[in-house]
Protein backbone atom coordinates (compact mmCIF):
# COMPACT_ATOMS: atom_id res chain seq x y z
CA UNK A 1 -0.20 24.07 3.16
CA UNK A 2 -2.36 27.11 4.06
CA UNK A 3 -5.77 27.64 2.47
CA UNK A 4 -6.16 29.01 -1.04
CA UNK A 5 -7.83 32.26 -1.99
CA UNK A 6 -11.61 32.41 -1.51
CA UNK A 7 -13.69 32.31 -4.71
CA UNK A 8 -14.03 35.62 -6.49
CA UNK A 9 -16.99 36.92 -8.44
CA UNK A 10 -15.60 39.80 -10.51
CA UNK A 11 -15.95 39.56 -14.28
CA UNK A 12 -12.59 38.48 -15.72
CA UNK A 13 -13.60 39.87 -19.11
CA UNK A 14 -14.07 43.39 -17.72
CA UNK A 15 -11.52 45.96 -18.96
CA UNK A 16 -8.38 45.95 -16.85
CA UNK A 17 -5.16 47.89 -17.26
CA UNK A 18 -2.37 45.60 -18.48
CA UNK A 19 -0.71 44.14 -15.41
CA UNK A 20 2.63 44.10 -17.20
CA UNK A 21 2.70 47.88 -17.55
CA UNK A 22 5.58 49.23 -15.40
CA UNK A 23 3.29 51.98 -14.16
CA UNK A 24 0.62 49.43 -13.20
CA UNK A 25 3.14 47.27 -11.35
CA UNK A 26 4.37 50.27 -9.35
CA UNK A 27 0.76 51.29 -8.70
CA UNK A 28 -0.13 47.85 -7.32
CA UNK A 29 2.94 47.77 -5.11
CA UNK A 30 2.33 51.28 -3.76
CA UNK A 31 -1.40 50.65 -3.30
CA UNK A 32 -0.71 47.66 -1.05
CA UNK A 33 2.42 49.03 0.62
CA UNK A 34 4.69 46.38 -0.90
CA UNK A 35 8.27 46.20 -2.10
CA UNK A 36 9.79 43.33 -4.08
CA UNK A 37 11.52 40.91 -1.72
CA UNK A 38 14.99 40.00 -2.99
CA UNK A 39 15.29 36.97 -0.70
CA UNK A 40 12.20 35.46 -2.41
CA UNK A 41 13.52 36.19 -5.88
CA UNK A 42 10.70 38.63 -6.67
CA UNK A 43 11.35 40.17 -10.09
CA UNK A 44 8.03 40.94 -11.78
CA UNK A 45 7.62 40.66 -15.57
CA UNK A 46 6.72 43.95 -17.27
CA UNK A 47 7.03 42.95 -20.94
CA UNK A 48 3.80 41.87 -22.62
CA UNK A 49 5.57 40.20 -25.55
CA UNK A 50 7.61 38.02 -23.19
CA UNK A 51 4.50 37.08 -21.19
CA UNK A 52 2.63 36.01 -24.30
CA UNK A 53 5.64 34.03 -25.53
CA UNK A 54 5.88 32.15 -22.23
CA UNK A 55 2.16 31.35 -22.15
CA UNK A 56 2.14 30.23 -25.78
CA UNK A 57 5.21 28.02 -25.33
CA UNK A 58 3.86 26.54 -22.09
CA UNK A 59 0.46 25.65 -23.52
CA UNK A 60 1.63 24.58 -26.98
CA UNK A 61 0.31 21.14 -27.85
CA UNK A 62 -2.41 21.22 -25.19
CA UNK A 63 -6.20 21.58 -25.56
CA UNK A 64 -7.44 25.15 -25.78
CA UNK A 65 -9.57 24.79 -22.64
CA UNK A 66 -9.14 23.07 -19.31
CA UNK A 67 -5.42 22.33 -19.30
CA UNK A 68 -4.17 21.97 -15.70
CA UNK A 69 -1.27 24.38 -15.13
CA UNK A 70 0.97 24.78 -12.11
CA UNK A 71 2.66 28.12 -11.49
CA UNK A 72 5.28 28.68 -8.81
CA UNK A 73 5.58 32.22 -7.47
CA UNK A 74 2.72 34.10 -9.17
CA UNK A 75 3.82 37.38 -7.58
CA UNK A 76 1.33 40.03 -8.71
CA UNK A 77 -0.53 37.56 -10.93
CA UNK A 78 0.79 38.94 -14.21
CA UNK A 79 1.73 35.62 -15.84
CA UNK A 80 -1.07 33.84 -13.95
CA UNK A 81 -3.68 36.02 -15.59
CA UNK A 82 -2.15 35.56 -19.05
CA UNK A 83 -2.37 31.76 -18.66
CA UNK A 84 -5.85 31.68 -17.13
CA UNK A 85 -7.33 33.94 -19.82
CA UNK A 86 -6.27 31.29 -22.35
CA UNK A 87 -8.61 28.77 -20.68
CA UNK A 88 -6.22 26.89 -18.40
CA UNK A 89 -7.08 25.74 -14.86
CA UNK A 90 -4.24 27.30 -12.85
CA UNK A 91 -2.89 26.24 -9.46
CA UNK A 92 -0.43 28.84 -8.17
CA UNK A 93 1.96 28.32 -5.25
CA UNK A 94 2.86 31.51 -3.40
CA UNK A 95 4.98 31.85 -0.27
CA UNK A 96 4.58 35.59 0.38
CA UNK A 97 1.36 36.09 2.37
CA UNK A 98 1.58 39.86 1.88
CA UNK A 99 0.46 39.30 -1.71
CA UNK A 100 -2.99 38.01 -0.69
CA UNK A 101 -4.87 41.30 -1.33
CA UNK A 102 -3.03 41.91 -4.62
CA UNK A 103 -3.87 38.47 -6.03
CA UNK A 104 -7.45 38.75 -4.81
CA UNK A 105 -7.70 41.85 -6.99
CA UNK A 106 -5.72 40.82 -10.07
CA UNK A 107 -7.08 37.25 -10.34
CA UNK A 108 -10.71 38.03 -9.54
CA UNK A 109 -13.13 35.90 -11.52
CA UNK A 110 -10.48 33.66 -13.07
CA UNK A 111 -10.10 29.90 -12.80
CA UNK A 112 -7.12 30.13 -10.44
CA UNK A 113 -6.48 28.41 -7.13
CA UNK A 114 -3.75 30.05 -5.05
CA UNK A 115 -2.13 27.83 -2.45
CA UNK A 116 -0.20 29.71 0.22
CA UNK A 117 3.02 28.12 1.38
CA UNK A 118 6.52 27.06 0.38
CA UNK A 119 6.85 25.34 -3.03
CA UNK A 120 9.56 23.14 -1.50
CA UNK A 121 6.94 21.62 0.82
CA UNK A 122 4.22 21.09 -1.77
CA UNK A 123 3.02 17.57 -2.59
CA UNK A 124 3.52 17.43 -6.36
CA UNK A 125 1.98 13.95 -6.41
CA UNK A 126 -1.38 15.63 -5.69
CA UNK A 127 -1.50 17.35 -9.10
CA UNK A 128 -3.92 16.14 -11.80
CA UNK A 129 -2.53 14.03 -14.63
CA UNK A 130 -1.30 16.04 -17.59
CA UNK A 131 -0.25 19.09 -15.57
CA UNK A 132 2.01 21.62 -17.28
CA UNK A 133 4.28 23.89 -15.27
CA UNK A 134 4.47 27.48 -16.53
CA UNK A 135 6.42 29.74 -14.20
CA UNK A 136 8.96 32.47 -13.59
CA UNK A 137 10.93 30.40 -11.09
CA UNK A 138 12.66 31.91 -8.06
CA UNK A 139 16.28 31.66 -9.16
CA UNK A 140 17.61 30.52 -5.79
CA UNK A 141 15.65 27.23 -5.87
CA UNK A 142 15.52 26.58 -9.61
CA UNK A 143 17.52 23.35 -9.59
CA UNK A 144 15.58 21.82 -6.72
CA UNK A 145 12.22 22.67 -8.28
CA UNK A 146 13.17 21.33 -11.70
CA UNK A 147 14.17 18.06 -10.06
CA UNK A 148 10.79 17.91 -8.26
CA UNK A 149 8.98 18.48 -11.56
CA UNK A 150 10.93 15.70 -13.27
CA UNK A 151 10.12 13.24 -10.50
CA UNK A 152 6.37 14.08 -10.47
CA UNK A 153 4.59 11.66 -12.88
CA UNK A 154 1.58 13.96 -13.32
CA UNK A 155 3.72 16.78 -14.77
CA UNK A 156 4.28 16.37 -18.51
CA UNK A 157 6.14 19.60 -19.26
CA UNK A 158 7.74 22.62 -17.59
CA UNK A 159 8.11 25.96 -19.36
CA UNK A 160 10.14 28.13 -17.04
CA UNK A 161 12.07 31.36 -16.81
CA UNK A 162 15.54 30.63 -15.43
CA UNK A 163 18.95 32.29 -15.34
CA UNK A 164 20.53 32.18 -18.79
CA UNK A 165 23.43 30.09 -17.44
CA UNK A 166 20.98 27.49 -16.12
CA UNK A 167 19.19 27.45 -19.46
CA UNK A 168 22.50 26.87 -21.26
CA UNK A 169 23.30 24.05 -18.87
CA UNK A 170 19.93 22.37 -19.42
CA UNK A 171 20.20 22.55 -23.21
CA UNK A 172 23.88 21.50 -23.49
CA UNK A 173 25.22 18.20 -24.84
CA UNK A 174 27.90 15.79 -23.60
CA UNK A 175 31.31 17.30 -24.31
CA UNK A 176 30.10 20.91 -23.98
CA UNK A 177 31.33 23.19 -21.21
CA UNK A 178 27.95 23.58 -19.46
CA UNK A 179 27.12 19.87 -19.30
CA UNK A 180 26.47 18.57 -15.77
CA UNK A 181 24.15 16.49 -13.61
CA UNK A 182 21.12 18.75 -14.13
CA UNK A 183 21.61 18.37 -17.90
CA UNK A 184 21.85 14.60 -17.62
CA UNK A 185 18.82 14.46 -15.35
CA UNK A 186 16.70 16.41 -17.84
CA UNK A 187 17.85 14.10 -20.66
CA UNK A 188 16.98 11.00 -18.64
CA UNK A 189 13.40 12.24 -18.26
CA UNK A 190 12.81 13.79 -21.68
CA UNK A 191 13.92 16.67 -23.87
CA UNK A 192 14.84 20.34 -23.51
CA UNK A 193 14.10 23.25 -25.85
CA UNK A 194 15.44 26.80 -25.60
CA UNK A 195 12.51 29.14 -26.33
CA UNK A 196 14.13 32.57 -26.07
CA UNK A 197 16.39 34.79 -23.98
CA UNK A 198 14.88 37.53 -21.82
CA UNK A 199 16.74 40.82 -21.14
CA UNK A 200 17.05 42.30 -17.66
CA UNK A 201 14.79 45.19 -18.63
CA UNK A 202 11.80 42.85 -18.97
CA UNK A 203 11.56 42.75 -15.16
CA UNK A 204 10.85 45.13 -12.30
CA UNK A 205 13.11 45.41 -10.49
CA UNK A 206 15.71 44.36 -13.06
CA UNK A 207 17.69 41.29 -11.92
CA UNK A 208 21.47 41.12 -12.09
CA UNK A 209 21.46 38.50 -14.85
CA UNK A 210 19.92 37.77 -18.23
CA UNK A 211 17.22 35.09 -18.23
CA UNK A 212 16.04 32.39 -20.62
CA UNK A 213 12.72 30.67 -21.26
CA UNK A 214 13.25 26.90 -21.40
CA UNK A 215 10.68 24.19 -22.09
CA UNK A 216 11.26 20.68 -20.74
CA UNK A 217 9.05 17.86 -22.00
CA UNK A 218 8.93 14.68 -19.90
CA UNK A 219 8.34 11.35 -21.60
CA UNK A 220 6.05 9.60 -19.11
CA UNK A 221 5.62 6.60 -21.43
CA UNK A 222 9.08 5.46 -20.35
CA UNK A 223 9.80 3.95 -16.94
CA UNK A 224 11.54 6.47 -14.67
CA UNK A 225 15.31 6.02 -14.36
CA UNK A 226 16.15 3.79 -11.38
CA UNK A 227 17.54 5.55 -8.29
CA UNK A 228 20.76 3.55 -8.61
CA UNK A 229 21.38 5.05 -12.06
CA UNK A 230 20.65 8.58 -10.84
CA UNK A 231 23.12 8.19 -7.97
CA UNK A 232 25.73 6.74 -10.32
CA UNK A 233 25.40 9.57 -12.86
CA UNK A 234 25.44 12.19 -10.10
CA UNK A 235 28.64 10.71 -8.63
CA UNK A 236 30.24 10.45 -12.07
CA UNK A 237 29.58 14.15 -12.75
CA UNK A 238 30.25 15.38 -9.22
CA UNK A 239 33.68 16.95 -9.85
CA UNK A 240 34.19 18.33 -13.33
CA UNK A 241 37.96 18.65 -13.04
CA UNK A 242 38.38 14.99 -12.07
CA UNK A 243 38.32 12.00 -14.38
CA UNK A 244 35.37 9.64 -14.42
CA UNK A 245 37.65 6.99 -12.88
CA UNK A 246 38.59 9.21 -9.94
CA UNK A 247 34.99 10.28 -9.32
CA UNK A 248 33.88 6.66 -9.17
CA UNK A 249 36.75 5.75 -6.84
CA UNK A 250 35.53 8.50 -4.49
CA UNK A 251 32.29 6.55 -3.96
CA UNK A 252 34.15 3.35 -3.10
CA UNK A 253 34.54 1.59 -6.43
CA UNK A 254 37.74 -0.35 -7.07
CA UNK A 255 40.24 0.97 -9.61
CA UNK A 256 40.79 -2.33 -11.46
CA UNK A 257 37.02 -2.84 -11.83
CA UNK A 258 36.60 0.68 -13.23
CA UNK A 259 39.53 0.21 -15.61
CA UNK A 260 38.05 -3.03 -16.95
CA UNK A 261 34.61 -1.48 -17.43
CA UNK A 262 36.05 1.58 -19.20
CA UNK A 263 38.13 -0.58 -21.53
CA UNK A 264 35.15 -2.81 -22.33
CA UNK A 265 33.14 0.28 -23.24
CA UNK A 266 35.89 1.67 -25.47
CA UNK A 267 36.45 4.64 -23.12
CA UNK A 268 39.82 6.21 -22.32
CA UNK A 269 41.18 5.74 -18.82
CA UNK A 270 41.36 9.51 -18.37
CA UNK A 271 37.92 10.32 -19.79
CA UNK A 272 35.71 12.78 -17.91
CA UNK A 273 32.04 11.94 -17.36
CA UNK A 274 30.81 15.12 -19.04
CA UNK A 275 32.29 13.81 -22.30
CA UNK A 276 30.47 10.46 -22.10
CA UNK A 277 26.99 10.01 -23.64
CA UNK A 278 24.28 8.90 -21.20
CA UNK A 279 23.81 5.53 -22.89
CA UNK A 280 27.51 4.81 -22.40
CA UNK A 281 27.27 5.82 -18.72
CA UNK A 282 24.28 3.50 -18.29
CA UNK A 283 26.23 0.62 -19.87
CA UNK A 284 29.20 1.39 -17.62
CA UNK A 285 26.90 1.26 -14.57
CA UNK A 286 25.70 -2.16 -15.70
CA UNK A 287 29.25 -3.45 -16.15
CA UNK A 288 30.12 -2.25 -12.65
CA UNK A 289 27.12 -4.03 -11.14
CA UNK A 290 25.26 -0.83 -10.22
CA UNK A 291 22.36 -1.86 -12.45
CA UNK A 292 21.10 -5.39 -12.95
């Protein structure tokens, strides 16, 4: 990916107007001839209480100084600065090169490394062990990024701003309406906590939807789920309106084998996968020979 920002020498403790002030955000944009880019999901936070809540939730349980933090889409550096001033070592991934002069100004003197390029192309295996993600994620790639975080052993938690519907999906349980593969994936890697909802007015420009702050904690003491199990669970949950039996038949499994495995697990023939606990799905995968 392209080079990061050159080192800065300004004093980070020097007085600076709050970056989350709506007037300050407009001033920065006008000063550098910028407009928020909708295609990049640029909605800048302008609520100091929300910023502090995100930073506190993201760094909770970590040492006061030196925690490695990854941020995706720093934008104007509002959340970045809040995290760095708490003593974290921040690596920020930014795709929009037009923000170079803004971030050079707003992050001057702070322990922040900005890497310019697409977060979808970043090597998450290169992160230091114990990295925490704290980010206002671009909504259009939220699911993909969350999956990358889960699969990166160095990342131990992700505290992220997402669409409220995505947050509800992540925090749902088997049998609830929002339960799906992303929910199951998060549960296979750890736990999910809903921190708070965020109104549209906390952003400039205001998005079309309400947001939520969600914290995911990944249990790296456990072996990662095998790829065969992930594929099985994804196939089982692929079509919500279909039964588990029909979804498994769509990937080539034989009806009589599925029926026998369901009966052995005490599951109804017409059960849907979103109503089945993960442990029961894992056992079903073993009975069907997917797992050894």
